[in-house]
N, C-alpha and C. Protein backbone atom coordinates (compact mmCIF):
# COMPACT_ATOMS: atom_id res chain seq x y z
N MET A 1 3.29 -41.26 26.01
CA MET A 1 3.78 -39.92 26.21
C MET A 1 2.66 -39.10 26.83
N SER A 2 2.98 -38.39 27.88
CA SER A 2 1.98 -37.56 28.56
C SER A 2 1.76 -36.27 27.77
N ILE A 3 0.71 -35.56 28.13
CA ILE A 3 0.40 -34.27 27.50
C ILE A 3 1.56 -33.30 27.72
N SER A 4 2.08 -33.26 28.93
CA SER A 4 3.19 -32.34 29.24
C SER A 4 4.41 -32.66 28.40
N GLU A 5 4.71 -33.93 28.24
CA GLU A 5 5.86 -34.34 27.44
C GLU A 5 5.66 -33.97 25.98
N LEU A 6 4.45 -34.18 25.50
CA LEU A 6 4.13 -33.85 24.12
C LEU A 6 4.26 -32.35 23.87
N LYS A 7 3.73 -31.54 24.79
CA LYS A 7 3.84 -30.09 24.65
C LYS A 7 5.30 -29.65 24.65
N LEU A 8 6.10 -30.23 25.52
CA LEU A 8 7.52 -29.87 25.58
C LEU A 8 8.23 -30.27 24.29
N LYS A 9 7.90 -31.44 23.77
CA LYS A 9 8.51 -31.90 22.52
C LYS A 9 8.14 -30.96 21.37
N ILE A 10 6.88 -30.59 21.30
CA ILE A 10 6.42 -29.67 20.25
C ILE A 10 7.11 -28.32 20.40
N PHE A 11 7.18 -27.82 21.63
CA PHE A 11 7.84 -26.54 21.87
C PHE A 11 9.28 -26.57 21.39
N ARG A 12 10.00 -27.62 21.74
CA ARG A 12 11.41 -27.73 21.35
C ARG A 12 11.57 -27.78 19.84
N GLU A 13 10.70 -28.51 19.19
CA GLU A 13 10.77 -28.59 17.73
C GLU A 13 10.48 -27.23 17.10
N ILE A 14 9.49 -26.55 17.61
CA ILE A 14 9.16 -25.21 17.09
C ILE A 14 10.28 -24.23 17.37
N ASP A 15 10.83 -24.31 18.55
CA ASP A 15 11.89 -23.38 18.96
C ASP A 15 13.14 -23.51 18.08
N SER A 16 13.32 -24.67 17.48
CA SER A 16 14.52 -24.88 16.66
C SER A 16 14.33 -24.48 15.19
N LEU A 17 13.13 -24.05 14.83
CA LEU A 17 12.86 -23.70 13.44
C LEU A 17 13.48 -22.37 13.04
N GLU A 18 13.88 -22.29 11.78
CA GLU A 18 14.32 -21.03 11.19
C GLU A 18 13.10 -20.15 10.95
N LYS A 19 13.32 -18.86 10.73
CA LYS A 19 12.22 -17.90 10.59
C LYS A 19 11.22 -18.31 9.51
N ASN A 20 11.69 -18.67 8.32
CA ASN A 20 10.79 -19.03 7.22
C ASN A 20 9.93 -20.24 7.58
N SER A 21 10.55 -21.24 8.18
CA SER A 21 9.81 -22.43 8.56
C SER A 21 8.81 -22.11 9.67
N LEU A 22 9.19 -21.24 10.57
CA LEU A 22 8.30 -20.85 11.66
C LEU A 22 7.08 -20.11 11.11
N GLU A 23 7.31 -19.22 10.15
CA GLU A 23 6.19 -18.50 9.53
C GLU A 23 5.28 -19.47 8.78
N GLU A 24 5.87 -20.44 8.10
CA GLU A 24 5.08 -21.44 7.38
C GLU A 24 4.25 -22.27 8.36
N LEU A 25 4.86 -22.67 9.46
CA LEU A 25 4.15 -23.44 10.47
C LEU A 25 3.00 -22.62 11.06
N HIS A 26 3.23 -21.35 11.26
CA HIS A 26 2.18 -20.47 11.78
C HIS A 26 0.98 -20.47 10.85
N GLN A 27 1.22 -20.35 9.55
CA GLN A 27 0.13 -20.37 8.58
C GLN A 27 -0.60 -21.72 8.58
N ILE A 28 0.16 -22.79 8.68
CA ILE A 28 -0.45 -24.12 8.73
C ILE A 28 -1.33 -24.25 9.97
N LEU A 29 -0.84 -23.77 11.08
CA LEU A 29 -1.60 -23.81 12.33
C LEU A 29 -2.89 -22.99 12.22
N LEU A 30 -2.78 -21.79 11.63
CA LEU A 30 -3.98 -20.97 11.45
C LEU A 30 -4.99 -21.65 10.53
N ASN A 31 -4.49 -22.28 9.46
CA ASN A 31 -5.39 -23.00 8.56
C ASN A 31 -6.09 -24.14 9.29
N PHE A 32 -5.35 -24.84 10.13
CA PHE A 32 -5.92 -25.94 10.91
C PHE A 32 -7.01 -25.42 11.84
N ILE A 33 -6.72 -24.36 12.56
CA ILE A 33 -7.68 -23.79 13.50
C ILE A 33 -8.91 -23.25 12.76
N ASN A 34 -8.67 -22.51 11.70
CA ASN A 34 -9.79 -21.94 10.94
C ASN A 34 -10.58 -23.03 10.22
N GLY A 35 -9.91 -24.09 9.81
CA GLY A 35 -10.60 -25.21 9.18
C GLY A 35 -11.59 -25.85 10.13
N LYS A 36 -11.23 -25.95 11.38
CA LYS A 36 -12.16 -26.49 12.38
C LYS A 36 -13.36 -25.57 12.51
N ARG A 37 -13.11 -24.27 12.52
CA ARG A 37 -14.22 -23.30 12.61
C ARG A 37 -15.10 -23.40 11.38
N ASP A 38 -14.46 -23.53 10.21
CA ASP A 38 -15.22 -23.62 8.97
C ASP A 38 -16.13 -24.84 8.98
N LEU A 39 -15.63 -25.95 9.51
CA LEU A 39 -16.44 -27.16 9.59
C LEU A 39 -17.64 -26.94 10.50
N ASP A 40 -17.41 -26.27 11.62
CA ASP A 40 -18.52 -25.95 12.53
C ASP A 40 -19.54 -25.04 11.83
N ASP A 41 -19.03 -24.05 11.10
CA ASP A 41 -19.92 -23.14 10.38
C ASP A 41 -20.74 -23.89 9.33
N TRP A 42 -20.10 -24.81 8.62
CA TRP A 42 -20.79 -25.60 7.60
C TRP A 42 -21.94 -26.39 8.21
N GLN A 43 -21.68 -26.99 9.36
CA GLN A 43 -22.69 -27.81 10.00
C GLN A 43 -23.86 -26.98 10.54
N LYS A 44 -23.65 -25.68 10.72
CA LYS A 44 -24.72 -24.81 11.19
C LYS A 44 -25.63 -24.35 10.06
N LEU A 45 -25.19 -24.54 8.81
CA LEU A 45 -26.00 -24.13 7.67
C LEU A 45 -27.18 -25.08 7.49
N THR A 46 -28.25 -24.55 6.90
CA THR A 46 -29.38 -25.41 6.57
C THR A 46 -28.99 -26.30 5.39
N GLU A 47 -29.79 -27.33 5.14
CA GLU A 47 -29.53 -28.21 4.01
C GLU A 47 -29.62 -27.45 2.69
N ASP A 48 -30.58 -26.52 2.59
CA ASP A 48 -30.71 -25.71 1.37
C ASP A 48 -29.47 -24.83 1.15
N GLU A 49 -28.96 -24.25 2.22
CA GLU A 49 -27.76 -23.42 2.11
C GLU A 49 -26.55 -24.26 1.67
N GLN A 50 -26.40 -25.43 2.27
CA GLN A 50 -25.30 -26.32 1.89
C GLN A 50 -25.41 -26.72 0.43
N ASN A 51 -26.63 -27.08 0.00
CA ASN A 51 -26.83 -27.48 -1.40
C ASN A 51 -26.54 -26.33 -2.35
N GLY A 52 -26.92 -25.11 -1.98
CA GLY A 52 -26.64 -23.95 -2.81
C GLY A 52 -25.14 -23.73 -3.00
N ILE A 53 -24.40 -23.88 -1.92
CA ILE A 53 -22.94 -23.73 -1.99
C ILE A 53 -22.34 -24.83 -2.85
N LEU A 54 -22.79 -26.05 -2.67
CA LEU A 54 -22.26 -27.17 -3.46
C LEU A 54 -22.58 -26.99 -4.94
N GLU A 55 -23.77 -26.49 -5.26
CA GLU A 55 -24.13 -26.22 -6.65
C GLU A 55 -23.24 -25.13 -7.24
N ALA A 56 -22.95 -24.10 -6.45
CA ALA A 56 -22.07 -23.02 -6.93
C ALA A 56 -20.67 -23.56 -7.20
N ILE A 57 -20.18 -24.43 -6.34
CA ILE A 57 -18.86 -25.04 -6.55
C ILE A 57 -18.86 -25.86 -7.83
N ASP A 58 -19.93 -26.61 -8.07
CA ASP A 58 -20.03 -27.39 -9.30
C ASP A 58 -20.02 -26.49 -10.53
N GLU A 59 -20.71 -25.35 -10.45
CA GLU A 59 -20.72 -24.41 -11.57
C GLU A 59 -19.32 -23.87 -11.85
N VAL A 60 -18.61 -23.52 -10.80
CA VAL A 60 -17.24 -23.02 -10.97
C VAL A 60 -16.36 -24.10 -11.57
N ASP A 61 -16.49 -25.32 -11.05
CA ASP A 61 -15.68 -26.43 -11.56
C ASP A 61 -15.96 -26.73 -13.03
N SER A 62 -17.19 -26.46 -13.48
CA SER A 62 -17.53 -26.72 -14.88
C SER A 62 -17.32 -25.51 -15.78
N GLY A 63 -16.72 -24.44 -15.23
CA GLY A 63 -16.37 -23.27 -16.03
C GLY A 63 -17.51 -22.29 -16.25
N LYS A 64 -18.55 -22.34 -15.45
CA LYS A 64 -19.70 -21.45 -15.63
C LYS A 64 -19.62 -20.18 -14.79
N GLU A 65 -18.47 -19.97 -14.14
CA GLU A 65 -18.37 -18.78 -13.30
C GLU A 65 -18.18 -17.52 -14.14
N ILE A 66 -18.48 -16.38 -13.54
CA ILE A 66 -18.28 -15.09 -14.20
C ILE A 66 -17.12 -14.41 -13.47
N PRO A 67 -16.08 -14.00 -14.20
CA PRO A 67 -14.93 -13.36 -13.56
C PRO A 67 -15.33 -12.11 -12.77
N HIS A 68 -14.67 -11.89 -11.66
CA HIS A 68 -14.95 -10.77 -10.77
C HIS A 68 -14.92 -9.44 -11.52
N ALA A 69 -13.91 -9.24 -12.34
CA ALA A 69 -13.78 -7.97 -13.07
C ALA A 69 -14.99 -7.72 -13.97
N GLU A 70 -15.50 -8.77 -14.58
CA GLU A 70 -16.67 -8.64 -15.46
C GLU A 70 -17.91 -8.24 -14.65
N VAL A 71 -18.11 -8.86 -13.52
CA VAL A 71 -19.24 -8.53 -12.65
C VAL A 71 -19.13 -7.08 -12.19
N MET A 72 -17.95 -6.67 -11.78
CA MET A 72 -17.76 -5.30 -11.31
C MET A 72 -18.02 -4.28 -12.42
N THR A 73 -17.59 -4.58 -13.63
CA THR A 73 -17.83 -3.68 -14.76
C THR A 73 -19.33 -3.51 -14.99
N LYS A 74 -20.08 -4.61 -14.97
CA LYS A 74 -21.54 -4.54 -15.18
C LYS A 74 -22.21 -3.74 -14.07
N ILE A 75 -21.79 -3.96 -12.83
CA ILE A 75 -22.39 -3.25 -11.70
C ILE A 75 -22.09 -1.76 -11.78
N ARG A 76 -20.85 -1.41 -12.13
CA ARG A 76 -20.48 0.00 -12.24
C ARG A 76 -21.30 0.70 -13.32
N LYS A 77 -21.50 0.02 -14.47
CA LYS A 77 -22.31 0.61 -15.55
C LYS A 77 -23.75 0.77 -15.11
N LYS A 78 -24.27 -0.25 -14.43
CA LYS A 78 -25.67 -0.23 -14.01
C LYS A 78 -25.96 0.90 -13.03
N TYR A 79 -25.03 1.14 -12.11
CA TYR A 79 -25.25 2.14 -11.06
C TYR A 79 -24.44 3.42 -11.25
N ALA A 80 -23.92 3.63 -12.45
CA ALA A 80 -23.11 4.81 -12.70
C ALA A 80 -23.88 6.11 -12.50
N ASN A 81 -25.14 6.11 -12.87
CA ASN A 81 -25.95 7.33 -12.77
C ASN A 81 -26.93 7.30 -11.61
N ALA A 82 -26.77 6.37 -10.72
CA ALA A 82 -27.72 6.25 -9.60
C ALA A 82 -27.46 7.28 -8.53
C-alpha cells in the first residue's frame, strides 16, 4: 500500500466516525504526538535529572508522597504574614 493509499484509507475511516469516537481519536492522536515529544524531552535530560525523576516516581509508588492540599496548606501558613 502506498503512502497516498494509506492516507486516503485513514481519512475515510476517520470521516465515518461519530462525534464521540472522533473526539476520542483526537485525544489519542494528541497523546501519541505529545508522547513522542515527551520521549525527546526525557532524552535531553541529564542522567542525574532522569534519576531524580525515577526516584520521585518510586516514592509515589511506595506511598511516600505528600498530598497537594497538604503542601499548599503548609505553604500558605508559612507565607501568610510575608
